[in-house]
């Protein structure tokens, strides 16, 4: 299994260094914040899509 040209041993070394530098607590906090950010982004996209679909289905009436 190779991800971005890196094998499993290289990925494990990178993970080990990240844990040494940041610590387990900070990594879990950052991962949680990243997850909530992605969730908010997806909800925002769904809201934009719903608005676009509403505009296509029910165009505003022209006054004149």
N, C-alpha and C. Protein backbone atom coordinates (compact mmCIF):
# COMPACT_ATOMS: atom_id res chain seq x y z
N UNK A 1 0.85 -1.19 0.00
CA UNK A 1 0.00 0.00 0.00
C UNK A 1 0.88 1.24 0.00
N UNK A 2 0.71 2.09 -0.99
CA UNK A 2 1.51 3.30 -1.07
C UNK A 2 0.58 4.50 -1.19
N UNK A 3 0.81 5.48 -0.33
CA UNK A 3 0.04 6.71 -0.34
C UNK A 3 1.01 7.84 -0.63
N UNK A 4 0.76 8.55 -1.73
CA UNK A 4 1.62 9.66 -2.16
C UNK A 4 3.08 9.23 -2.28
N UNK A 5 3.28 8.00 -2.71
CA UNK A 5 4.64 7.51 -2.90
C UNK A 5 5.32 7.10 -1.61
N UNK A 6 4.59 7.05 -0.50
CA UNK A 6 5.16 6.66 0.78
C UNK A 6 4.62 5.29 1.17
N UNK A 7 5.50 4.43 1.66
CA UNK A 7 5.09 3.12 2.12
C UNK A 7 4.71 3.16 3.58
N UNK A 8 4.32 2.01 4.11
CA UNK A 8 3.89 1.90 5.50
C UNK A 8 5.00 2.30 6.48
N UNK A 9 6.24 1.87 6.29
CA UNK A 9 7.28 2.28 7.26
C UNK A 9 7.49 3.80 7.31
N UNK A 10 7.45 4.45 6.17
CA UNK A 10 7.62 5.90 6.14
C UNK A 10 6.47 6.61 6.84
N UNK A 11 5.23 6.12 6.59
CA UNK A 11 4.07 6.72 7.24
C UNK A 11 4.13 6.54 8.76
N UNK A 12 4.58 5.39 9.22
CA UNK A 12 4.71 5.16 10.66
C UNK A 12 5.75 6.09 11.30
N UNK A 13 6.85 6.31 10.61
CA UNK A 13 7.87 7.23 11.12
C UNK A 13 7.32 8.65 11.21
N UNK A 14 6.60 9.08 10.18
CA UNK A 14 6.01 10.42 10.18
C UNK A 14 4.99 10.54 11.31
N UNK A 15 4.15 9.52 11.50
CA UNK A 15 3.17 9.53 12.58
C UNK A 15 3.86 9.60 13.94
N UNK A 16 4.92 8.84 14.12
CA UNK A 16 5.67 8.85 15.38
C UNK A 16 6.25 10.23 15.67
N UNK A 17 6.81 10.87 14.66
CA UNK A 17 7.39 12.21 14.84
C UNK A 17 6.30 13.22 15.18
N UNK A 18 5.15 13.13 14.52
CA UNK A 18 4.05 14.05 14.80
C UNK A 18 3.58 13.88 16.24
N UNK A 19 3.47 12.64 16.71
CA UNK A 19 3.05 12.39 18.09
C UNK A 19 4.08 12.95 19.06
N UNK A 20 5.37 12.79 18.75
CA UNK A 20 6.41 13.33 19.63
C UNK A 20 6.35 14.85 19.71
N UNK A 21 6.12 15.49 18.58
CA UNK A 21 6.14 16.96 18.54
C UNK A 21 4.89 17.55 19.19
N UNK A 22 3.72 17.03 18.85
CA UNK A 22 2.48 17.64 19.30
C UNK A 22 1.87 16.98 20.53
N UNK A 23 2.06 15.71 20.71
CA UNK A 23 1.45 14.99 21.81
C UNK A 23 0.07 14.49 21.45
N UNK A 24 -0.38 13.46 22.16
CA UNK A 24 -1.65 12.82 21.85
C UNK A 24 -2.83 13.77 22.08
N UNK A 25 -2.81 14.51 23.18
CA UNK A 25 -3.93 15.39 23.51
C UNK A 25 -4.18 16.45 22.46
N UNK A 26 -3.11 17.08 22.00
CA UNK A 26 -3.26 18.14 21.00
C UNK A 26 -3.70 17.57 19.66
N UNK A 27 -3.20 16.39 19.31
CA UNK A 27 -3.59 15.78 18.03
C UNK A 27 -5.08 15.46 18.03
N UNK A 28 -5.59 14.92 19.15
CA UNK A 28 -7.02 14.60 19.20
C UNK A 28 -7.87 15.86 19.15
N UNK A 29 -7.38 16.94 19.78
CA UNK A 29 -8.12 18.20 19.75
C UNK A 29 -8.16 18.77 18.33
N UNK A 30 -7.03 18.75 17.65
CA UNK A 30 -6.96 19.26 16.27
C UNK A 30 -7.83 18.41 15.35
N UNK A 31 -7.80 17.09 15.55
CA UNK A 31 -8.61 16.20 14.71
C UNK A 31 -10.10 16.48 14.92
N UNK A 32 -10.50 16.71 16.15
CA UNK A 32 -11.90 17.04 16.42
C UNK A 32 -12.31 18.34 15.78
N UNK A 33 -11.45 19.34 15.87
CA UNK A 33 -11.76 20.63 15.25
C UNK A 33 -11.80 20.52 13.74
N UNK A 34 -10.92 19.71 13.18
CA UNK A 34 -10.92 19.49 11.74
C UNK A 34 -12.21 18.81 11.30
N UNK A 35 -12.64 17.83 12.06
CA UNK A 35 -13.89 17.14 11.75
C UNK A 35 -15.09 18.06 11.81
N UNK A 36 -15.15 18.92 12.84
CA UNK A 36 -16.28 19.84 12.94
C UNK A 36 -16.22 20.89 11.83
N UNK A 37 -15.04 21.28 11.42
CA UNK A 37 -14.91 22.22 10.31
C UNK A 37 -15.38 21.63 9.00
N UNK A 38 -15.03 20.38 8.77
CA UNK A 38 -15.48 19.70 7.55
C UNK A 38 -16.99 19.53 7.57
N UNK A 39 -17.54 19.19 8.74
CA UNK A 39 -18.99 19.04 8.88
C UNK A 39 -19.69 20.36 8.57
N UNK A 40 -19.17 21.46 9.10
CA UNK A 40 -19.78 22.77 8.83
C UNK A 40 -19.69 23.12 7.36
N UNK A 41 -18.57 22.80 6.74
CA UNK A 41 -18.39 23.07 5.32
C UNK A 41 -19.41 22.31 4.49
N UNK A 42 -19.62 21.03 4.82
CA UNK A 42 -20.60 20.23 4.08
C UNK A 42 -22.01 20.76 4.27
N UNK A 43 -22.34 21.16 5.50
CA UNK A 43 -23.67 21.73 5.75
C UNK A 43 -23.86 23.02 4.97
N UNK A 44 -22.81 23.82 4.87
CA UNK A 44 -22.87 25.05 4.08
C UNK A 44 -23.09 24.76 2.61
N UNK A 45 -22.43 23.73 2.11
CA UNK A 45 -22.62 23.36 0.71
C UNK A 45 -24.05 22.88 0.47
N UNK A 46 -24.59 22.11 1.40
CA UNK A 46 -25.97 21.63 1.25
C UNK A 46 -26.93 22.81 1.25
N UNK A 47 -26.67 23.81 2.08
CA UNK A 47 -27.52 25.00 2.12
C UNK A 47 -27.46 25.76 0.81
N UNK A 48 -26.27 25.90 0.23
CA UNK A 48 -26.13 26.58 -1.06
C UNK A 48 -26.84 25.81 -2.16
N UNK A 49 -26.74 24.49 -2.14
CA UNK A 49 -27.41 23.68 -3.17
C UNK A 49 -28.92 23.80 -3.04
N UNK A 50 -29.43 23.83 -1.82
CA UNK A 50 -30.87 23.96 -1.61
C UNK A 50 -31.35 25.31 -2.13
N UNK A 51 -30.58 26.36 -1.91
CA UNK A 51 -30.96 27.69 -2.40
C UNK A 51 -30.97 27.71 -3.92
N UNK A 52 -29.96 27.10 -4.54
CA UNK A 52 -29.89 27.06 -6.00
C UNK A 52 -31.07 26.27 -6.57
N UNK A 53 -31.41 25.14 -5.94
CA UNK A 53 -32.54 24.34 -6.42
C UNK A 53 -33.84 25.11 -6.26
N UNK A 54 -33.98 25.86 -5.18
CA UNK A 54 -35.20 26.64 -4.96
C UNK A 54 -35.33 27.73 -6.03
N UNK A 55 -34.22 28.34 -6.41
CA UNK A 55 -34.26 29.37 -7.45
C UNK A 55 -34.65 28.77 -8.80
N UNK A 56 -34.15 27.56 -9.09
CA UNK A 56 -34.47 26.93 -10.36
C UNK A 56 -35.93 26.50 -10.42
N UNK A 57 -36.46 26.00 -9.32
CA UNK A 57 -37.83 25.51 -9.29
C UNK A 57 -38.83 26.65 -9.26
N UNK A 58 -38.58 27.67 -8.47
CA UNK A 58 -39.52 28.77 -8.26
C UNK A 58 -38.83 30.10 -8.53
N UNK A 59 -38.71 30.50 -9.82
CA UNK A 59 -38.05 31.77 -10.11
C UNK A 59 -38.88 32.95 -9.59
N UNK A 60 -38.25 34.03 -9.21
CA UNK A 60 -39.00 35.17 -8.69
C UNK A 60 -39.91 35.77 -9.77
N UNK A 61 -41.06 36.23 -9.34
CA UNK A 61 -42.01 36.82 -10.28
C UNK A 61 -41.53 38.18 -10.73
N UNK A 62 -41.76 38.47 -12.01
CA UNK A 62 -41.35 39.78 -12.54
C UNK A 62 -42.46 40.78 -12.29
N UNK A 63 -42.06 41.94 -11.80
CA UNK A 63 -43.06 42.98 -11.59
C UNK A 63 -42.99 43.95 -12.77
N UNK A 64 -44.11 44.37 -13.18
CA UNK A 64 -44.03 45.25 -14.33
C UNK A 64 -45.24 45.91 -14.71
